[in-house]
Amino acid sequence: LTKNVPMFVCTMAYPTVPCPLHVFEPRYRLMIRRSMETGTKQFGMCISDSQNGFADYGCMLQIRNVHFLPDGRSVVDTVGGKRFRVLQRGMKDGYCTADIEYLEDVKVS
């Protein structure tokens, strides 16, 4: 998943660290629903940036579980996956998207 990756612009996420989310905005409710329906069960997380909309670097989040509430909100249990760099920004149905490349850590011998 490197093209048109859905982006949740909110907080900082880190590999292996749980990141529980309370999703209530319609655009992000749609984004989560699509991530579940397509089977990718993942999306990018970046912090906000006043010039570009969101930061140049972020972390993929893997959806472990979603609890949909009767009023449309959801509680999403995610955990951080790979870190990435944003190559190109886009927009789809109100939420941000990006083409990304994954970052590789330098292995310590």
Protein backbone atom coordinates (compact mmCIF):
# COMPACT_ATOMS: atom_id res chain seq x y z
CA LEU A 1 0.00 0.00 0.00
CA THR A 2 1.95 3.02 -1.29
CA LYS A 3 -0.45 4.84 -3.66
CA ASN A 4 -3.44 6.93 -2.57
CA VAL A 5 -2.98 5.87 1.05
CA PRO A 6 -5.73 7.34 3.28
CA MET A 7 -4.28 9.76 5.83
CA PHE A 8 -5.65 10.43 9.30
CA VAL A 9 -4.33 13.87 10.28
CA CYS A 10 -4.36 13.91 14.04
CA THR A 11 -1.56 12.78 16.32
CA MET A 12 1.88 11.19 16.31
CA ALA A 13 2.02 7.40 15.95
CA TYR A 14 4.96 5.06 16.44
CA PRO A 15 5.78 1.54 15.22
CA THR A 16 4.54 -1.22 17.61
CA VAL A 17 2.73 1.31 19.87
CA PRO A 18 -1.08 1.01 20.26
CA CYS A 19 -3.02 4.08 19.09
CA PRO A 20 -6.71 3.96 20.12
CA LEU A 21 -8.91 6.39 18.17
CA HIS A 22 -12.39 7.83 18.70
CA VAL A 23 -13.65 8.55 15.18
CA PHE A 24 -16.57 10.97 14.87
CA GLU A 25 -15.91 13.23 11.84
CA PRO A 26 -17.89 12.04 8.77
CA ARG A 27 -14.80 12.10 6.52
CA TYR A 28 -12.84 9.82 8.85
CA ARG A 29 -15.83 7.58 9.49
CA LEU A 30 -15.94 7.01 5.70
CA MET A 31 -12.18 6.45 5.59
CA ILE A 32 -12.28 3.79 8.35
CA ARG A 33 -15.27 2.05 6.76
CA ARG A 34 -13.45 1.90 3.40
CA SER A 35 -10.27 0.58 5.02
CA MET A 36 -12.28 -2.24 6.57
CA GLU A 37 -14.35 -3.01 3.45
CA THR A 38 -11.36 -3.13 1.08
CA GLY A 39 -9.52 -5.42 3.49
CA THR A 40 -6.36 -3.31 3.76
CA LYS A 41 -7.22 -2.50 7.39
CA GLN A 42 -4.57 0.20 7.43
CA PHE A 43 -4.08 3.92 6.91
CA GLY A 44 -1.41 6.53 7.52
CA MET A 45 -1.23 8.78 10.56
CA CYS A 46 0.45 12.20 10.37
CA ILE A 47 0.41 15.27 12.52
CA SER A 48 -1.00 18.51 11.13
CA ASP A 49 1.24 20.97 9.27
CA SER A 50 0.04 24.51 8.59
CA GLN A 51 1.86 24.79 5.25
CA ASN A 52 1.28 21.35 3.69
CA GLY A 53 -1.82 20.14 5.53
CA PHE A 54 0.07 17.27 7.16
CA ALA A 55 3.66 16.35 7.97
CA ASP A 56 6.15 14.89 5.48
CA TYR A 57 6.67 11.81 7.69
CA GLY A 58 4.22 9.50 9.41
CA CYS A 59 3.43 5.98 10.53
CA MET A 60 1.07 3.38 9.09
CA LEU A 61 -1.60 2.18 11.50
CA GLN A 62 -2.95 -1.38 11.38
CA ILE A 63 -6.60 -1.71 12.45
CA ARG A 64 -6.92 -4.50 15.01
CA ASN A 65 -10.58 -3.98 15.87
CA VAL A 66 -13.41 -1.49 15.25
CA HIS A 67 -16.41 -0.98 17.52
CA PHE A 68 -19.13 0.84 15.57
CA LEU A 69 -21.48 2.84 17.81
CA PRO A 70 -25.22 3.22 17.00
CA ASP A 71 -24.85 6.94 16.16
CA GLY A 72 -22.15 6.31 13.51
CA ARG A 73 -19.11 7.04 15.63
CA SER A 74 -16.54 4.31 16.17
CA VAL A 75 -13.79 3.33 18.56
CA VAL A 76 -10.86 2.02 16.54
CA ASP A 77 -8.09 -0.10 18.06
CA THR A 78 -4.94 0.40 15.98
CA VAL A 79 -1.24 -0.31 16.37
CA GLY A 80 1.66 1.44 14.65
CA GLY A 81 3.35 -0.30 11.72
CA LYS A 82 5.96 0.99 9.29
CA ARG A 83 7.19 4.58 9.13
CA PHE A 84 6.91 6.41 5.82
CA ARG A 85 7.78 9.57 3.91
CA VAL A 86 5.14 11.44 1.91
CA LEU A 87 5.96 11.77 -1.79
CA GLN A 88 2.75 13.39 -3.03
CA ARG A 89 -0.42 14.69 -1.38
CA GLY A 90 -4.00 14.30 -2.53
CA MET A 91 -7.62 14.40 -1.38
CA LYS A 92 -10.50 11.93 -1.65
CA ASP A 93 -14.05 12.59 -0.48
CA GLY A 94 -12.92 15.06 2.19
CA TYR A 95 -10.00 13.18 3.69
CA CYS A 96 -6.33 13.45 2.77
CA THR A 97 -4.45 10.82 0.79
CA ALA A 98 -0.79 10.43 -0.10
CA ASP A 99 1.64 8.48 -2.22
CA ILE A 100 4.31 7.26 0.18
CA GLU A 101 7.57 5.37 0.44
CA TYR A 102 8.42 3.24 3.45
CA LEU A 103 11.52 4.05 5.50
CA GLU A 104 14.10 1.40 6.30
CA ASP A 105 16.03 1.58 9.53
CA VAL A 106 19.79 1.18 9.40
CA LYS A 107 20.54 -2.18 10.99
CA VAL A 108 22.91 -2.16 13.95
CA SER A 109 25.55 -4.86 13.76
